[in-house]
Structures are given as C-alpha cells and as structure tokens.
Amino acid sequence: LSGRVVNAVVGLAYIALTYRSLGKEAAGVLVLI
C-alpha cells in the first residue's frame, strides 16, 4: 500500500497530463492501444 499510494497519485498525474495535452479523442486512441 505504501508504494501504491505513491503510484495512485503519480498515476493520476500522468493520466491527467495525457488527457489535458492530447484531448479526449487522441487520449481515447492511446487508451484503446
């Protein structure tokens, strides 16, 4: 859990960076791949 707490925060950070930078359509393509 100690590692996953860090992972949860960092994971949401890179997902937010991906969605905010690419937009919903392009981010959706990345999610599908």
PDB file of all heavy atoms in Angstrom:
ATOM      1  N   LEU A   1       0.819  -1.209   0.000  1.00  0.00           N
ATOM      2  CA  LEU A   1       0.000   0.000   0.000  1.00  0.00           C
ATOM      3  C   LEU A   1       0.854   1.261   0.000  1.00  0.00           C
ATOM      4  O   LEU A   1       0.521   2.247  -0.668  1.00  0.00           O
ATOM      5  CB  LEU A   1      -0.935  -0.005   1.209  1.00  0.00           C
ATOM      6  CG  LEU A   1      -1.843   1.218   1.368  1.00  0.00           C
ATOM      7  CD1 LEU A   1      -2.751   1.357   0.156  1.00  0.00           C
ATOM      8  CD2 LEU A   1      -2.655   1.099   2.649  1.00  0.00           C
ATOM      9  N   SER A   2       1.958   1.225   0.730  1.00  0.00           N
ATOM     10  CA  SER A   2       2.815   2.411   0.781  1.00  0.00           C
ATOM     11  C   SER A   2       3.309   2.789  -0.613  1.00  0.00           C
ATOM     12  O   SER A   2       3.406   3.971  -0.945  1.00  0.00           O
ATOM     13  CB  SER A   2       4.017   2.149   1.707  1.00  0.00           C
ATOM     14  OG  SER A   2       4.840   1.118   1.183  1.00  0.00           O
ATOM     15  N   GLY A   3       3.611   1.758  -1.427  1.00  0.00           N
ATOM     16  CA  GLY A   3       4.020   2.043  -2.799  1.00  0.00           C
ATOM     17  C   GLY A   3       2.857   2.414  -3.688  1.00  0.00           C
ATOM     18  O   GLY A   3       2.978   3.269  -4.576  1.00  0.00           O
ATOM     19  N   ARG A   4       1.702   1.780  -3.438  1.00  0.00           N
ATOM     20  CA  ARG A   4       0.554   2.050  -4.295  1.00  0.00           C
ATOM     21  C   ARG A   4      -0.050   3.432  -4.038  1.00  0.00           C
ATOM     22  O   ARG A   4      -0.690   3.996  -4.921  1.00  0.00           O
ATOM     23  CB  ARG A   4      -0.503   0.967  -4.097  1.00  0.00           C
ATOM     24  CG  ARG A   4      -0.038  -0.436  -4.492  1.00  0.00           C
ATOM     25  CD  ARG A   4       0.384  -0.511  -5.943  1.00  0.00           C
ATOM     26  NE  ARG A   4       0.968  -1.802  -6.251  1.00  0.00           N
ATOM     27  CZ  ARG A   4       0.296  -2.851  -6.719  1.00  0.00           C
ATOM     28  NH1 ARG A   4      -1.003  -2.775  -6.909  1.00  0.00           N
ATOM     29  NH2 ARG A   4       0.924  -3.977  -6.989  1.00  0.00           N
ATOM     30  N   VAL A   5       0.096   3.942  -2.811  1.00  0.00           N
ATOM     31  CA  VAL A   5      -0.378   5.303  -2.558  1.00  0.00           C
ATOM     32  C   VAL A   5       0.383   6.284  -3.438  1.00  0.00           C
ATOM     33  O   VAL A   5      -0.199   7.166  -4.082  1.00  0.00           O
ATOM     34  CB  VAL A   5      -0.206   5.669  -1.062  1.00  0.00           C
ATOM     35  CG1 VAL A   5      -0.427   7.151  -0.852  1.00  0.00           C
ATOM     36  CG2 VAL A   5      -1.177   4.869  -0.206  1.00  0.00           C
ATOM     37  N   VAL A   6       1.699   6.105  -3.468  1.00  0.00           N
ATOM     38  CA  VAL A   6       2.522   6.932  -4.352  1.00  0.00           C
ATOM     39  C   VAL A   6       2.112   6.699  -5.803  1.00  0.00           C
ATOM     40  O   VAL A   6       1.964   7.639  -6.597  1.00  0.00           O
ATOM     41  CB  VAL A   6       4.021   6.619  -4.162  1.00  0.00           C
ATOM     42  CG1 VAL A   6       4.867   7.414  -5.145  1.00  0.00           C
ATOM     43  CG2 VAL A   6       4.437   6.922  -2.732  1.00  0.00           C
ATOM     44  N   ASN A   7       1.903   5.419  -6.159  1.00  0.00           N
ATOM     45  CA  ASN A   7       1.536   5.079  -7.534  1.00  0.00           C
ATOM     46  C   ASN A   7       0.201   5.698  -7.929  1.00  0.00           C
ATOM     47  O   ASN A   7       0.024   6.145  -9.064  1.00  0.00           O
ATOM     48  CB  ASN A   7       1.477   3.566  -7.691  1.00  0.00           C
ATOM     49  CG  ASN A   7       1.056   3.145  -9.082  1.00  0.00           C
ATOM     50  OD1 ASN A   7       1.722   3.437 -10.054  1.00  0.00           O
ATOM     51  ND2 ASN A   7      -0.071   2.456  -9.177  1.00  0.00           N
ATOM     52  N   ALA A   8      -0.768   5.702  -6.988  1.00  0.00           N
ATOM     53  CA  ALA A   8      -2.079   6.269  -7.294  1.00  0.00           C
ATOM     54  C   ALA A   8      -1.978   7.747  -7.632  1.00  0.00           C
ATOM     55  O   ALA A   8      -2.574   8.229  -8.599  1.00  0.00           O
ATOM     56  CB  ALA A   8      -3.022   6.050  -6.114  1.00  0.00           C
ATOM     57  N   VAL A   9      -1.201   8.466  -6.821  1.00  0.00           N
ATOM     58  CA  VAL A   9      -1.045   9.907  -7.058  1.00  0.00           C
ATOM     59  C   VAL A   9      -0.307  10.165  -8.367  1.00  0.00           C
ATOM     60  O   VAL A   9      -0.743  10.957  -9.208  1.00  0.00           O
ATOM     61  CB  VAL A   9      -0.302  10.566  -5.881  1.00  0.00           C
ATOM     62  CG1 VAL A   9      -0.038  12.037  -6.174  1.00  0.00           C
ATOM     63  CG2 VAL A   9      -1.104  10.416  -4.595  1.00  0.00           C
ATOM     64  N   VAL A  10       0.815   9.467  -8.529  1.00  0.00           N
ATOM     65  CA  VAL A  10       1.623   9.664  -9.738  1.00  0.00           C
ATOM     66  C   VAL A  10       0.869   9.165 -10.971  1.00  0.00           C
ATOM     67  O   VAL A  10       0.939   9.767 -12.041  1.00  0.00           O
ATOM     68  CB  VAL A  10       2.983   8.947  -9.594  1.00  0.00           C
ATOM     69  CG1 VAL A  10       3.812   9.119 -10.855  1.00  0.00           C
ATOM     70  CG2 VAL A  10       3.743   9.494  -8.395  1.00  0.00           C
ATOM     71  N   GLY A  11       0.133   8.032 -10.795  1.00  0.00           N
ATOM     72  CA  GLY A  11      -0.643   7.509 -11.915  1.00  0.00           C
ATOM     73  C   GLY A  11      -1.694   8.491 -12.391  1.00  0.00           C
ATOM     74  O   GLY A  11      -1.863   8.698 -13.596  1.00  0.00           O
ATOM     75  N   LEU A  12      -2.408   9.101 -11.468  1.00  0.00           N
ATOM     76  CA  LEU A  12      -3.391  10.113 -11.861  1.00  0.00           C
ATOM     77  C   LEU A  12      -2.715  11.317 -12.511  1.00  0.00           C
ATOM     78  O   LEU A  12      -3.283  11.950 -13.403  1.00  0.00           O
ATOM     79  CB  LEU A  12      -4.196  10.549 -10.633  1.00  0.00           C
ATOM     80  CG  LEU A  12      -5.215   9.536 -10.110  1.00  0.00           C
ATOM     81  CD1 LEU A  12      -5.841  10.037  -8.818  1.00  0.00           C
ATOM     82  CD2 LEU A  12      -6.292   9.260 -11.141  1.00  0.00           C
ATOM     83  N   ALA A  13      -1.486  11.601 -12.076  1.00  0.00           N
ATOM     84  CA  ALA A  13      -0.765  12.741 -12.651  1.00  0.00           C
ATOM     85  C   ALA A  13      -0.441  12.496 -14.118  1.00  0.00           C
ATOM     86  O   ALA A  13      -0.659  13.372 -14.976  1.00  0.00           O
ATOM     87  CB  ALA A  13       0.526  12.993 -11.857  1.00  0.00           C
ATOM     88  N   TYR A  14       0.088  11.298 -14.445  1.00  0.00           N
ATOM     89  CA  TYR A  14       0.441  11.084 -15.853  1.00  0.00           C
ATOM     90  C   TYR A  14      -0.805  10.916 -16.725  1.00  0.00           C
ATOM     91  O   TYR A  14      -0.807  11.281 -17.907  1.00  0.00           O
ATOM     92  CB  TYR A  14       1.425   9.917 -16.020  1.00  0.00           C
ATOM     93  CG  TYR A  14       0.881   8.517 -15.970  1.00  0.00           C
ATOM     94  CD1 TYR A  14       0.127   7.993 -17.019  1.00  0.00           C
ATOM     95  CD2 TYR A  14       1.172   7.666 -14.904  1.00  0.00           C
ATOM     96  CE1 TYR A  14      -0.344   6.693 -16.990  1.00  0.00           C
ATOM     97  CE2 TYR A  14       0.712   6.367 -14.858  1.00  0.00           C
ATOM     98  CZ  TYR A  14      -0.052   5.887 -15.908  1.00  0.00           C
ATOM     99  OH  TYR A  14      -0.499   4.591 -15.877  1.00  0.00           O
ATOM    100  N   ILE A  15      -1.882  10.394 -16.129  1.00  0.00           N
ATOM    101  CA  ILE A  15      -3.129  10.299 -16.888  1.00  0.00           C
ATOM    102  C   ILE A  15      -3.693  11.695 -17.154  1.00  0.00           C
ATOM    103  O   ILE A  15      -4.152  12.004 -18.265  1.00  0.00           O
ATOM    104  CB  ILE A  15      -4.142   9.428 -16.132  1.00  0.00           C
ATOM    105  CG1 ILE A  15      -3.708   7.966 -16.188  1.00  0.00           C
ATOM    106  CG2 ILE A  15      -5.543   9.577 -16.717  1.00  0.00           C
ATOM    107  CD1 ILE A  15      -4.547   7.054 -15.337  1.00  0.00           C
ATOM    108  N   ALA A  16      -3.649  12.553 -16.131  1.00  0.00           N
ATOM    109  CA  ALA A  16      -4.126  13.921 -16.312  1.00  0.00           C
ATOM    110  C   ALA A  16      -3.291  14.660 -17.358  1.00  0.00           C
ATOM    111  O   ALA A  16      -3.830  15.387 -18.201  1.00  0.00           O
ATOM    112  CB  ALA A  16      -4.082  14.665 -14.981  1.00  0.00           C
ATOM    113  N   LEU A  17      -1.968  14.471 -17.319  1.00  0.00           N
ATOM    114  CA  LEU A  17      -1.095  15.095 -18.325  1.00  0.00           C
ATOM    115  C   LEU A  17      -1.452  14.609 -19.729  1.00  0.00           C
ATOM    116  O   LEU A  17      -1.497  15.398 -20.684  1.00  0.00           O
ATOM    117  CB  LEU A  17       0.373  14.766 -18.022  1.00  0.00           C
ATOM    118  CG  LEU A  17       1.042  15.547 -16.897  1.00  0.00           C
ATOM    119  CD1 LEU A  17       2.380  14.906 -16.531  1.00  0.00           C
ATOM    120  CD2 LEU A  17       1.251  17.005 -17.312  1.00  0.00           C
ATOM    121  N   THR A  18      -1.735  13.317 -19.842  1.00  0.00           N
ATOM    122  CA  THR A  18      -2.075  12.743 -21.146  1.00  0.00           C
ATOM    123  C   THR A  18      -3.387  13.322 -21.664  1.00  0.00           C
ATOM    124  O   THR A  18      -3.465  13.770 -22.823  1.00  0.00           O
ATOM    125  CB  THR A  18      -2.187  11.205 -21.038  1.00  0.00           C
ATOM    126  OG1 THR A  18      -0.931  10.670 -20.592  1.00  0.00           O
ATOM    127  CG2 THR A  18      -2.544  10.597 -22.383  1.00  0.00           C
ATOM    128  N   TYR A  19      -4.409  13.344 -20.809  1.00  0.00           N
ATOM    129  CA  TYR A  19      -5.720  13.809 -21.257  1.00  0.00           C
ATOM    130  C   TYR A  19      -5.729  15.313 -21.540  1.00  0.00           C
ATOM    131  O   TYR A  19      -6.323  15.771 -22.520  1.00  0.00           O
ATOM    132  CB  TYR A  19      -6.779  13.476 -20.200  1.00  0.00           C
ATOM    133  CG  TYR A  19      -7.287  12.056 -20.287  1.00  0.00           C
ATOM    134  CD1 TYR A  19      -6.569  11.017 -19.697  1.00  0.00           C
ATOM    135  CD2 TYR A  19      -8.449  11.740 -20.959  1.00  0.00           C
ATOM    136  CE1 TYR A  19      -7.005   9.709 -19.767  1.00  0.00           C
ATOM    137  CE2 TYR A  19      -8.904  10.428 -21.038  1.00  0.00           C
ATOM    138  CZ  TYR A  19      -8.177   9.419 -20.445  1.00  0.00           C
ATOM    139  OH  TYR A  19      -8.612   8.118 -20.522  1.00  0.00           O
ATOM    140  N   ARG A  20      -5.071  16.075 -20.684  1.00  0.00           N
ATOM    141  CA  ARG A  20      -5.064  17.527 -20.874  1.00  0.00           C
ATOM    142  C   ARG A  20      -4.257  17.927 -22.098  1.00  0.00           C
ATOM    143  O   ARG A  20      -4.560  18.930 -22.760  1.00  0.00           O
ATOM    144  CB  ARG A  20      -4.499  18.220 -19.628  1.00  0.00           C
ATOM    145  CG  ARG A  20      -5.424  18.151 -18.413  1.00  0.00           C
ATOM    146  CD  ARG A  20      -4.769  18.740 -17.176  1.00  0.00           C
ATOM    147  NE  ARG A  20      -5.613  18.636 -15.998  1.00  0.00           N
ATOM    148  CZ  ARG A  20      -6.447  19.586 -15.594  1.00  0.00           C
ATOM    149  NH1 ARG A  20      -6.543  20.712 -16.282  1.00  0.00           N
ATOM    150  NH2 ARG A  20      -7.178  19.419 -14.511  1.00  0.00           N
ATOM    151  N   SER A  21      -3.214  17.155 -22.420  1.00  0.00           N
ATOM    152  CA  SER A  21      -2.351  17.507 -23.556  1.00  0.00           C
ATOM    153  C   SER A  21      -2.921  17.035 -24.885  1.00  0.00           C
ATOM    154  O   SER A  21      -2.865  17.764 -25.880  1.00  0.00           O
ATOM    155  CB  SER A  21      -0.959  16.898 -23.358  1.00  0.00           C
ATOM    156  OG  SER A  21      -0.360  17.366 -22.180  1.00  0.00           O
ATOM    157  N   LEU A  22      -3.475  15.831 -24.908  1.00  0.00           N
ATOM    158  CA  LEU A  22      -3.934  15.260 -26.174  1.00  0.00           C
ATOM    159  C   LEU A  22      -5.399  15.562 -26.475  1.00  0.00           C
ATOM    160  O   LEU A  22      -5.808  15.550 -27.635  1.00  0.00           O
ATOM    161  CB  LEU A  22      -3.733  13.739 -26.152  1.00  0.00           C
ATOM    162  CG  LEU A  22      -2.293  13.229 -26.126  1.00  0.00           C
ATOM    163  CD1 LEU A  22      -2.278  11.705 -26.068  1.00  0.00           C
ATOM    164  CD2 LEU A  22      -1.518  13.716 -27.347  1.00  0.00           C
ATOM    165  N   GLY A  23      -6.193  15.802 -25.424  1.00  0.00           N
ATOM    166  CA  GLY A  23      -7.624  15.934 -25.636  1.00  0.00           C
ATOM    167  C   GLY A  23      -8.297  14.578 -25.568  1.00  0.00           C
ATOM    168  O   GLY A  23      -7.646  13.538 -25.627  1.00  0.00           O
ATOM    169  N   LYS A  24      -9.621  14.600 -25.464  1.00  0.00           N
ATOM    170  CA  LYS A  24     -10.347  13.365 -25.227  1.00  0.00           C
ATOM    171  C   LYS A  24     -10.221  12.373 -26.374  1.00  0.00           C
ATOM    172  O   LYS A  24     -10.061  11.166 -26.162  1.00  0.00           O
ATOM    173  CB  LYS A  24     -11.816  13.673 -24.944  1.00  0.00           C
ATOM    174  CG  LYS A  24     -12.624  12.433 -24.549  1.00  0.00           C
ATOM    175  CD  LYS A  24     -14.051  12.788 -24.162  1.00  0.00           C
ATOM    176  CE  LYS A  24     -14.122  13.412 -22.789  1.00  0.00           C
ATOM    177  NZ  LYS A  24     -15.527  13.544 -22.309  1.00  0.00           N
ATOM    178  N   GLU A  25     -10.276  12.828 -27.635  1.00  0.00           N
ATOM    179  CA  GLU A  25     -10.240  11.910 -28.773  1.00  0.00           C
ATOM    180  C   GLU A  25      -8.895  11.203 -28.874  1.00  0.00           C
ATOM    181  O   GLU A  25      -8.816   9.975 -28.962  1.00  0.00           O
ATOM    182  CB  GLU A  25     -10.537  12.675 -30.068  1.00  0.00           C
ATOM    183  CG  GLU A  25     -11.988  13.091 -30.234  1.00  0.00           C
ATOM    184  CD  GLU A  25     -12.915  11.904 -30.452  1.00  0.00           C
ATOM    185  OE1 GLU A  25     -12.451  10.873 -30.963  1.00  0.00           O
ATOM    186  OE2 GLU A  25     -14.109  12.011 -30.099  1.00  0.00           O
ATOM    187  N   ALA A  26      -7.802  11.977 -28.906  1.00  0.00           N
ATOM    188  CA  ALA A  26      -6.469  11.370 -29.029  1.00  0.00           C
ATOM    189  C   ALA A  26      -6.119  10.536 -27.806  1.00  0.00           C
ATOM    190  O   ALA A  26      -5.509   9.461 -27.924  1.00  0.00           O
ATOM    191  CB  ALA A  26      -5.413  12.455 -29.253  1.00  0.00           C
ATOM    192  N   ALA A  27      -6.510  11.021 -26.621  1.00  0.00           N
ATOM    193  CA  ALA A  27      -6.267  10.244 -25.407  1.00  0.00           C
ATOM    194  C   ALA A  27      -7.051   8.937 -25.448  1.00  0.00           C
ATOM    195  O   ALA A  27      -6.572   7.899 -24.982  1.00  0.00           O
ATOM    196  CB  ALA A  27      -6.652  11.051 -24.167  1.00  0.00           C
ATOM    197  N   GLY A  28      -8.247   8.980 -26.034  1.00  0.00           N
ATOM    198  CA  GLY A  28      -9.030   7.756 -26.181  1.00  0.00           C
ATOM    199  C   GLY A  28      -8.349   6.752 -27.087  1.00  0.00           C
ATOM    200  O   GLY A  28      -8.400   5.546 -26.835  1.00  0.00           O
ATOM    201  N   VAL A  29      -7.680   7.233 -28.135  1.00  0.00           N
ATOM    202  CA  VAL A  29      -6.920   6.334 -29.015  1.00  0.00           C
ATOM    203  C   VAL A  29      -5.780   5.682 -28.238  1.00  0.00           C
ATOM    204  O   VAL A  29      -5.525   4.477 -28.355  1.00  0.00           O
ATOM    205  CB  VAL A  29      -6.377   7.099 -30.237  1.00  0.00           C
ATOM    206  CG1 VAL A  29      -5.455   6.199 -31.070  1.00  0.00           C
ATOM    207  CG2 VAL A  29      -7.531   7.609 -31.090  1.00  0.00           C
ATOM    208  N   LEU A  30      -5.063   6.477 -27.434  1.00  0.00           N
ATOM    209  CA  LEU A  30      -3.984   5.928 -26.622  1.00  0.00           C
ATOM    210  C   LEU A  30      -4.525   4.865 -25.658  1.00  0.00           C
ATOM    211  O   LEU A  30      -3.920   3.798 -25.486  1.00  0.00           O
ATOM    212  CB  LEU A  30      -3.290   7.039 -25.847  1.00  0.00           C
ATOM    213  CG  LEU A  30      -2.044   6.654 -25.039  1.00  0.00           C
ATOM    214  CD1 LEU A  30      -1.064   7.824 -24.970  1.00  0.00           C
ATOM    215  CD2 LEU A  30      -2.401   6.224 -23.621  1.00  0.00           C
ATOM    216  N   VAL A  31      -5.668   5.152 -25.049  1.00  0.00           N
ATOM    217  CA  VAL A  31      -6.278   4.200 -24.120  1.00  0.00           C
ATOM    218  C   VAL A  31      -6.622   2.897 -24.836  1.00  0.00           C
ATOM    219  O   VAL A  31      -6.400   1.799 -24.318  1.00  0.00           O
ATOM    220  CB  VAL A  31      -7.534   4.815 -23.474  1.00  0.00           C
ATOM    221  CG1 VAL A  31      -8.382   3.743 -22.797  1.00  0.00           C
ATOM    222  CG2 VAL A  31      -7.136   5.870 -22.462  1.00  0.00           C
ATOM    223  N   LEU A  32      -7.149   3.006 -26.060  1.00  0.00           N
ATOM    224  CA  LEU A  32      -7.522   1.811 -26.808  1.00  0.00           C
ATOM    225  C   LEU A  32      -6.299   0.984 -27.195  1.00  0.00           C
ATOM    226  O   LEU A  32      -6.321  -0.248 -27.128  1.00  0.00           O
ATOM    227  CB  LEU A  32      -8.308   2.196 -28.063  1.00  0.00           C
ATOM    228  CG  LEU A  32      -9.713   2.765 -27.829  1.00  0.00           C
ATOM    229  CD1 LEU A  32     -10.342   3.190 -29.146  1.00  0.00           C
ATOM    230  CD2 LEU A  32     -10.603   1.738 -27.125  1.00  0.00           C
ATOM    231  N   ILE A  33      -5.210   1.640 -27.601  1.00  0.00           N
ATOM    232  CA  ILE A  33      -3.982   0.923 -27.950  1.00  0.00           C
ATOM    233  C   ILE A  33      -3.393   0.245 -26.717  1.00  0.00           C
ATOM    234  O   ILE A  33      -2.973  -0.923 -26.763  1.00  0.00           O
ATOM    235  CB  ILE A  33      -2.960   1.883 -28.589  1.00  0.00           C
ATOM    236  CG1 ILE A  33      -3.454   2.336 -29.973  1.00  0.00           C
ATOM    237  CG2 ILE A  33      -1.587   1.223 -28.707  1.00  0.00           C
ATOM    238  CD1 ILE A  33      -2.566   3.373 -30.639  1.00  0.00           C
TER     239      ILE A  33
END
